[in-house]
Amino acid sequence: MGGFDSTSNMRAGQLFGIPISGTMAHSFISSFKDLTEIEMDHLAERVLFFRDLIVKLFNLSGTNDGELASFISYGRAFPKKFLSLVDTYDTLKSGVPNFMAVALALAEEDNRPIGVREDSGDLAYLSVEVRGMFRRVETEIAEPMNITLFETKQLKIAASNDINEAFLFSLQTQKHELDILGIGTHNITCEKQPALGGVYKLVEIDDEPRIKLSQNIVKVTFPGKKSTYRLFGNDGKAILDLIIHDGLDPVPRPGERVLCCDPFDQHKRVYVTPSEVRPCNVLCFENGKATDAVKRRTLNEMKAFAKSELQSLRPDHLRVVNPTPYKVSVSQGLFDYLHSLWTAEAPIEELR
């Protein structure tokens, strides 16, 4: 949850103190047929008054009365947290005008409305149109009536609808007015890699090394007990991760030059003198119990940690298109250990 400000998951809020937030559902809105289903109190009367002004302002034929009734009911229940789902019938011709009518009535009673949520259509385009409607209503209705809590700059425009990584990056090239993004499905399940291909392989037994060989080079295992360290340069960016053989190789240290090898190509080697060395292997559970290394972070601590980790990588590693592969190297000792066992275990082909 390190990249998020709030969650709709009640359990996550309970366990980690993450602020809970959410909006009404389409089923709630469509459950109202018309205005006869609600009590016509002072708030409802002011909503109808403002709805008439808005309809005339934008030359609309009208808005959906059932939707308006649902907004009034929701506004009564959450006068200080009023955020409407506006695409049940028509975002620009009904949803947003109905929201503004209720928002003006609530603001008139010293309640600040939050905004709207879009859940379908061209989200970036719609956000620009919605913001324009907000500005016009603020200028031509709210300001002349001295309704100060209806302010365009304060109203939020949220978007949902299976938002994924491609959509997020496309927003950077589009003009939009979105303030909040609701990400659910593609946060729970990664669209590009929905399953983690983690497979158990034996690397040592009774202090004897074991190796798994394959014609597919990425499936060859590294034998023995190992540790991994991240090496950083003088610019604070990660250079590479170095895997060493425990007990065979010295632990890399800041300011000390270390030879880093490609695990499968003996000609690809580089000396690195790191300014900082961070261990990547941290023991979190031992004998079924959490160690001192396990710390429950607050939401802000998780966000700060996630941000710092991303900032430690070079921008070319984070490119969406054709990113530079991040290097993982092995020590000279592990390289020799790997290839000596490889040579010993691999059958020698005989030709006649």
Protein backbone atom coordinates (compact mmCIF):
# COMPACT_ATOMS: atom_id res chain seq x y z
CA MET A 1 0.00 0.00 0.00
CA GLY A 2 3.06 2.25 -0.12
CA GLY A 3 1.82 4.26 -3.09
CA PHE A 4 -1.70 4.92 -1.83
CA ASP A 5 -3.35 7.56 0.34
CA SER A 6 -6.40 5.52 1.38
CA THR A 7 -8.15 2.20 0.86
CA SER A 8 -11.67 0.79 0.59
CA ASN A 9 -10.46 -2.40 2.31
CA MET A 10 -11.77 -2.26 5.88
CA ARG A 11 -9.33 -4.91 7.12
CA ALA A 12 -6.33 -3.00 5.74
CA GLY A 13 -7.56 0.10 7.52
CA GLN A 14 -7.89 -1.83 10.78
CA LEU A 15 -4.49 -3.52 10.60
CA PHE A 16 -2.36 -0.73 9.22
CA GLY A 17 -4.20 2.46 10.09
CA ILE A 18 -4.74 3.34 6.42
CA PRO A 19 -7.54 5.92 5.99
CA ILE A 20 -10.77 4.34 4.74
CA SER A 21 -12.52 5.97 1.78
CA GLY A 22 -15.06 5.08 -0.86
CA THR A 23 -18.13 6.26 -2.75
CA MET A 24 -21.65 5.18 -3.53
CA ALA A 25 -22.36 2.25 -5.84
CA HIS A 26 -24.28 2.16 -9.12
CA SER A 27 -26.78 -0.16 -7.44
CA PHE A 28 -27.51 2.47 -4.79
CA ILE A 29 -28.18 5.12 -7.44
CA SER A 30 -30.33 2.94 -9.68
CA SER A 31 -32.40 1.77 -6.69
CA PHE A 32 -34.11 5.21 -6.66
CA LYS A 33 -36.82 5.63 -9.26
CA ASP A 34 -37.82 9.28 -8.76
CA LEU A 35 -38.12 12.10 -6.23
CA THR A 36 -41.29 10.66 -4.66
CA GLU A 37 -39.09 8.19 -2.79
CA ILE A 38 -37.47 10.85 -0.60
CA GLU A 39 -38.73 13.42 1.89
CA MET A 40 -39.01 16.90 0.38
CA ASP A 41 -37.38 18.86 3.20
CA HIS A 42 -35.56 22.21 2.99
CA LEU A 43 -32.41 20.60 1.60
CA ALA A 44 -34.33 18.83 -1.17
CA GLU A 45 -36.17 22.02 -2.08
CA ARG A 46 -32.89 23.95 -2.37
CA VAL A 47 -31.46 21.13 -4.50
CA LEU A 48 -34.37 21.44 -6.94
CA PHE A 49 -33.91 25.20 -7.01
CA PHE A 50 -30.24 24.83 -7.92
CA ARG A 51 -30.98 22.03 -10.38
CA ASP A 52 -33.30 24.37 -12.30
CA LEU A 53 -30.59 27.05 -12.45
CA ILE A 54 -28.02 24.54 -13.70
CA VAL A 55 -30.33 23.05 -16.32
CA LYS A 56 -30.97 26.55 -17.71
CA LEU A 57 -27.29 27.49 -17.53
CA PHE A 58 -26.21 24.51 -19.66
CA ASN A 59 -29.40 24.38 -21.78
CA LEU A 60 -30.22 20.84 -20.67
CA SER A 61 -33.55 19.12 -21.18
CA GLY A 62 -33.40 17.87 -17.59
CA THR A 63 -31.60 15.31 -15.44
CA ASN A 64 -32.48 11.87 -14.10
CA ASP A 65 -34.77 12.29 -11.09
CA GLY A 66 -33.90 8.90 -9.58
CA GLU A 67 -30.22 9.77 -9.67
CA LEU A 68 -30.93 13.15 -8.08
CA ALA A 69 -32.96 11.46 -5.32
CA SER A 70 -30.05 9.12 -4.57
CA PHE A 71 -27.62 12.07 -4.40
CA ILE A 72 -29.92 13.92 -1.98
CA SER A 73 -30.18 10.83 0.24
CA TYR A 74 -26.41 10.34 0.17
CA GLY A 75 -25.85 14.03 0.87
CA ARG A 76 -28.09 13.82 3.94
CA ALA A 77 -26.14 10.82 5.23
CA PHE A 78 -22.69 12.24 4.43
CA PRO A 79 -23.02 16.04 4.29
CA LYS A 80 -19.29 16.57 4.88
CA LYS A 81 -18.08 13.69 2.69
CA PHE A 82 -20.26 14.14 -0.37
CA LEU A 83 -18.61 12.50 -3.41
CA SER A 84 -20.93 11.31 -6.20
CA LEU A 85 -20.60 8.56 -8.79
CA VAL A 86 -21.75 10.44 -11.88
CA ASP A 87 -21.81 8.01 -14.84
CA THR A 88 -24.84 5.83 -14.04
CA TYR A 89 -26.96 7.52 -16.74
CA ASP A 90 -24.98 10.30 -18.43
CA THR A 91 -21.93 11.96 -16.89
CA LEU A 92 -22.21 15.46 -18.39
CA LYS A 93 -25.96 15.71 -18.97
CA SER A 94 -27.18 14.23 -15.69
CA GLY A 95 -24.58 13.03 -13.19
CA VAL A 96 -22.48 16.18 -12.89
CA PRO A 97 -25.45 18.62 -12.97
CA ASN A 98 -27.19 16.59 -10.26
CA PHE A 99 -24.01 16.53 -8.18
CA MET A 100 -23.60 20.30 -8.46
CA ALA A 101 -27.21 20.90 -7.43
CA VAL A 102 -26.77 18.89 -4.22
CA ALA A 103 -23.26 20.28 -3.66
CA LEU A 104 -24.53 23.87 -3.83
CA ALA A 105 -27.31 23.09 -1.36
CA LEU A 106 -24.85 21.45 1.03
CA ALA A 107 -22.33 24.29 0.65
CA GLU A 108 -25.10 26.76 1.41
CA GLU A 109 -25.45 24.99 4.78
CA ASP A 110 -21.69 25.31 5.49
CA ASN A 111 -20.78 21.80 4.28
CA ARG A 112 -17.92 21.49 1.79
CA PRO A 113 -18.64 18.87 -0.93
CA ILE A 114 -15.73 16.66 -2.00
CA GLY A 115 -16.34 16.00 -5.70
CA VAL A 116 -17.26 13.35 -8.26
CA ARG A 117 -16.11 9.94 -9.46
CA GLU A 118 -16.03 8.89 -13.12
CA ASP A 119 -16.25 5.17 -13.79
CA SER A 120 -16.55 4.90 -17.58
CA GLY A 121 -15.87 6.70 -20.84
CA ASP A 122 -12.84 8.80 -21.80
CA LEU A 123 -11.76 9.63 -18.26
CA ALA A 124 -9.18 12.30 -19.17
CA TYR A 125 -11.51 14.12 -21.59
CA LEU A 126 -14.46 13.94 -19.20
CA SER A 127 -12.36 15.35 -16.35
CA VAL A 128 -11.58 18.46 -18.42
CA GLU A 129 -15.25 18.92 -19.29
CA VAL A 130 -16.33 18.40 -15.67
CA ARG A 131 -13.80 20.94 -14.38
CA GLY A 132 -15.12 23.44 -16.94
CA MET A 133 -18.66 22.90 -15.69
CA PHE A 134 -17.51 23.39 -12.10
CA ARG A 135 -15.85 26.70 -13.01
CA ARG A 136 -18.91 27.99 -14.82
CA VAL A 137 -21.28 27.13 -11.97
CA GLU A 138 -18.91 28.68 -9.44
CA THR A 139 -18.69 31.91 -11.45
CA GLU A 140 -22.32 32.24 -12.52
CA ILE A 141 -24.23 30.71 -9.59
CA ALA A 142 -22.12 30.20 -6.45
CA GLU A 143 -20.25 33.52 -6.39
CA PRO A 144 -23.30 35.78 -7.06
CA MET A 145 -25.11 33.96 -4.22
CA ASN A 146 -22.05 34.17 -1.93
CA ILE A 147 -21.76 30.37 -1.57
CA THR A 148 -18.07 30.28 -0.69
CA LEU A 149 -17.72 26.54 0.01
CA PHE A 150 -18.42 25.60 -3.63
CA GLU A 151 -14.95 26.27 -5.04
CA THR A 152 -13.65 24.71 -8.22
CA LYS A 153 -10.10 24.39 -6.91
CA GLN A 154 -11.40 22.45 -3.88
CA LEU A 155 -13.65 20.02 -5.76
CA LYS A 156 -11.97 16.69 -6.57
CA ILE A 157 -12.42 14.59 -9.70
CA ALA A 158 -11.78 10.91 -9.11
CA ALA A 159 -11.56 8.16 -11.71
CA SER A 160 -11.88 4.38 -11.58
CA ASN A 161 -12.74 1.65 -14.15
CA ASP A 162 -9.96 -0.98 -14.17
CA ILE A 163 -7.15 1.57 -14.27
CA ASN A 164 -3.87 -0.08 -15.23
CA GLU A 165 -0.24 0.85 -15.79
CA ALA A 166 -0.75 1.78 -19.45
CA PHE A 167 -3.52 4.22 -18.52
CA LEU A 168 -1.38 5.85 -15.84
CA PHE A 169 1.47 6.46 -18.26
CA SER A 170 -0.88 7.70 -20.98
CA LEU A 171 -2.19 10.35 -18.58
CA GLN A 172 1.26 11.93 -18.59
CA THR A 173 0.81 12.82 -22.27
CA GLN A 174 -2.81 14.01 -22.00
CA LYS A 175 -4.50 17.11 -20.73
CA HIS A 176 -6.62 16.08 -17.76
CA GLU A 177 -8.08 17.35 -14.50
CA LEU A 178 -8.03 14.13 -12.47
CA ASP A 179 -7.15 14.44 -8.80
CA ILE A 180 -7.78 10.93 -7.48
CA LEU A 181 -7.28 7.51 -9.09
CA GLY A 182 -9.08 4.46 -7.70
CA ILE A 183 -7.05 1.34 -8.50
CA GLY A 184 -8.39 -2.05 -7.45
CA THR A 185 -8.28 -4.98 -9.87
CA HIS A 186 -4.86 -4.23 -11.33
CA ASN A 187 -3.40 -3.59 -7.89
CA ILE A 188 -4.52 -7.01 -6.63
CA THR A 189 -3.56 -8.94 -9.79
CA CYS A 190 -0.71 -7.85 -12.05
CA GLU A 191 -2.09 -7.86 -15.60
CA LYS A 192 1.26 -8.52 -17.29
CA GLN A 193 2.37 -11.26 -14.90
CA PRO A 194 -0.62 -12.59 -12.93
CA ALA A 195 1.34 -15.47 -11.37
CA LEU A 196 4.81 -15.63 -9.82
CA GLY A 197 6.84 -18.47 -11.30
CA GLY A 198 8.55 -19.41 -8.06
CA VAL A 199 9.84 -23.01 -8.04
CA TYR A 200 11.68 -24.88 -5.25
CA LYS A 201 15.19 -26.03 -6.24
CA LEU A 202 17.79 -27.76 -4.06
CA VAL A 203 21.16 -25.96 -3.85
CA GLU A 204 22.79 -27.79 -0.89
CA ILE A 205 22.19 -30.87 1.28
CA ASP A 206 24.35 -32.15 4.14
CA ASP A 207 26.85 -29.39 3.33
CA GLU A 208 27.21 -30.73 -0.21
CA PRO A 209 26.38 -28.38 -3.13
CA ARG A 210 23.69 -29.28 -5.65
CA ILE A 211 22.99 -27.77 -9.06
CA LYS A 212 20.17 -27.95 -11.57
CA LEU A 213 21.32 -27.70 -15.21
CA SER A 214 19.24 -26.84 -18.25
CA GLN A 215 19.59 -25.92 -21.89
CA ASN A 216 17.52 -22.91 -20.90
CA ILE A 217 20.20 -20.80 -19.21
CA VAL A 218 17.82 -18.93 -16.93
CA LYS A 219 16.87 -22.22 -15.24
CA VAL A 220 20.41 -23.07 -14.14
CA THR A 221 20.64 -22.73 -10.35
CA PHE A 222 23.51 -21.26 -8.30
CA PRO A 223 24.80 -23.90 -5.85
CA GLY A 224 25.47 -23.44 -2.14
CA LYS A 225 24.44 -20.93 0.51
CA LYS A 226 24.48 -17.39 -0.80
CA SER A 227 23.89 -13.76 0.19
CA THR A 228 23.00 -10.79 -1.98
CA TYR A 229 24.15 -7.19 -1.61
CA ARG A 230 23.14 -4.03 -3.45
CA LEU A 231 26.06 -1.82 -4.44
CA PHE A 232 25.56 1.94 -4.80
CA GLY A 233 27.65 4.50 -6.69
CA ASN A 234 28.74 8.00 -5.68
CA ASP A 235 25.52 9.43 -7.13
CA GLY A 236 23.41 7.40 -4.69
CA LYS A 237 22.02 5.19 -7.46
CA ALA A 238 22.15 1.39 -7.37
CA ILE A 239 24.82 0.00 -9.70
CA LEU A 240 24.03 -3.71 -9.43
CA ASP A 241 23.19 -6.54 -7.06
CA LEU A 242 26.06 -8.88 -6.17
CA ILE A 243 25.50 -12.51 -5.13
CA ILE A 244 28.31 -14.05 -3.08
CA HIS A 245 28.94 -17.54 -1.72
CA ASP A 246 28.65 -17.56 2.08
CA GLY A 247 31.90 -18.62 3.69
CA LEU A 248 33.78 -18.52 0.39
CA ASP A 249 33.65 -14.81 -0.46
CA PRO A 250 34.27 -11.74 1.70
CA VAL A 251 31.30 -9.43 2.31
CA PRO A 252 31.59 -6.35 0.05
CA ARG A 253 32.33 -3.12 1.93
CA PRO A 254 32.00 0.58 1.05
CA GLY A 255 35.20 1.98 -0.48
CA GLU A 256 36.66 -1.46 -1.26
CA ARG A 257 36.94 -2.58 -4.88
CA VAL A 258 35.18 -5.84 -5.73
CA LEU A 259 35.13 -7.87 -8.95
CA CYS A 260 31.61 -8.50 -10.27
CA CYS A 261 31.07 -11.20 -12.89
CA ASP A 262 28.30 -12.13 -15.28
CA PRO A 263 27.27 -15.60 -14.05
CA PHE A 264 27.34 -17.17 -17.51
CA ASP A 265 29.86 -15.14 -19.55
CA GLN A 266 33.45 -15.16 -18.27
CA HIS A 267 34.36 -12.16 -20.40
CA LYS A 268 31.77 -9.84 -18.84
CA ARG A 269 33.39 -8.56 -15.66
CA VAL A 270 33.61 -5.20 -13.95
CA TYR A 271 35.29 -3.74 -10.88
CA VAL A 272 32.98 -1.80 -8.59
CA THR A 273 34.02 0.42 -5.70
CA PRO A 274 30.71 1.05 -3.92
CA SER A 275 30.00 4.11 -1.83
CA GLU A 276 27.32 2.15 0.01
CA VAL A 277 26.49 -1.54 0.44
CA ARG A 278 23.07 -2.80 1.55
CA PRO A 279 22.27 -6.45 2.33
CA CYS A 280 19.26 -7.72 0.37
CA ASN A 281 18.72 -10.87 2.44
CA VAL A 282 16.98 -10.12 5.73
CA LEU A 283 15.79 -12.86 8.06
CA CYS A 284 12.17 -12.05 8.88
CA PHE A 285 10.93 -15.32 10.42
CA GLU A 286 12.83 -17.92 12.44
CA ASN A 287 11.31 -21.04 13.99
CA GLY A 288 7.85 -19.74 13.12
CA LYS A 289 8.32 -16.40 14.88
CA ALA A 290 8.90 -12.90 13.53
CA THR A 291 12.39 -11.50 14.12
CA ASP A 292 13.30 -7.97 15.17
CA ALA A 293 13.76 -7.17 11.47
CA VAL A 294 10.00 -7.29 11.00
CA LYS A 295 8.55 -3.87 11.62
CA ARG A 296 4.97 -2.82 10.97
CA ARG A 297 5.26 0.47 9.12
CA THR A 298 2.65 3.19 9.07
CA LEU A 299 1.15 4.26 5.73
CA ASN A 300 3.43 7.29 5.53
CA GLU A 301 6.48 5.17 6.36
CA MET A 302 5.55 2.66 3.63
CA LYS A 303 5.10 5.47 1.10
CA ALA A 304 8.44 7.03 2.03
CA PHE A 305 10.17 3.64 1.77
CA ALA A 306 8.64 2.83 -1.63
CA LYS A 307 9.57 6.29 -2.93
CA SER A 308 13.16 6.02 -1.72
CA GLU A 309 13.55 2.58 -3.29
CA LEU A 310 12.36 3.88 -6.67
CA GLN A 311 14.62 6.93 -6.41
CA SER A 312 17.61 4.64 -5.85
CA LEU A 313 17.25 3.27 -9.41
CA ARG A 314 18.43 5.08 -12.53
CA PRO A 315 15.67 6.55 -14.73
CA ASP A 316 16.64 4.29 -17.66
CA HIS A 317 15.86 1.22 -15.51
CA LEU A 318 12.35 2.58 -14.93
CA ARG A 319 11.48 3.38 -18.55
CA VAL A 320 8.16 1.99 -19.72
CA VAL A 321 9.50 1.23 -23.22
CA ASN A 322 12.82 -0.60 -23.65
CA PRO A 323 14.15 -0.17 -20.08
CA THR A 324 17.81 -0.92 -19.35
CA PRO A 325 18.00 -4.35 -17.66
CA TYR A 326 19.17 -4.09 -14.05
CA LYS A 327 22.40 -6.06 -13.56
CA VAL A 328 22.72 -8.97 -11.14
CA SER A 329 26.29 -10.23 -10.88
CA VAL A 330 28.13 -12.93 -8.95
CA SER A 331 31.45 -12.79 -7.15
CA GLN A 332 34.54 -14.38 -8.68
CA GLY A 333 34.37 -17.08 -6.02
CA LEU A 334 30.75 -17.98 -6.79
CA PHE A 335 31.46 -17.87 -10.53
CA ASP A 336 34.28 -20.42 -10.15
CA TYR A 337 32.21 -22.53 -7.75
CA LEU A 338 29.25 -22.58 -10.16
CA HIS A 339 31.25 -23.54 -13.22
CA SER A 340 33.40 -26.15 -11.49
CA LEU A 341 30.25 -27.95 -10.30
CA TRP A 342 28.66 -27.45 -13.73
CA THR A 343 31.66 -29.13 -15.38
CA ALA A 344 31.59 -31.98 -12.87
CA GLU A 345 27.86 -32.69 -13.14
CA ALA A 346 27.18 -32.12 -16.85
CA PRO A 347 27.42 -35.27 -18.97
CA ILE A 348 30.00 -35.18 -21.74
CA GLU A 349 28.58 -35.87 -25.14
CA GLU A 350 30.34 -38.54 -27.18
CA LEU A 351 30.30 -38.45 -30.96
CA ARG A 352 31.19 -41.31 -33.30
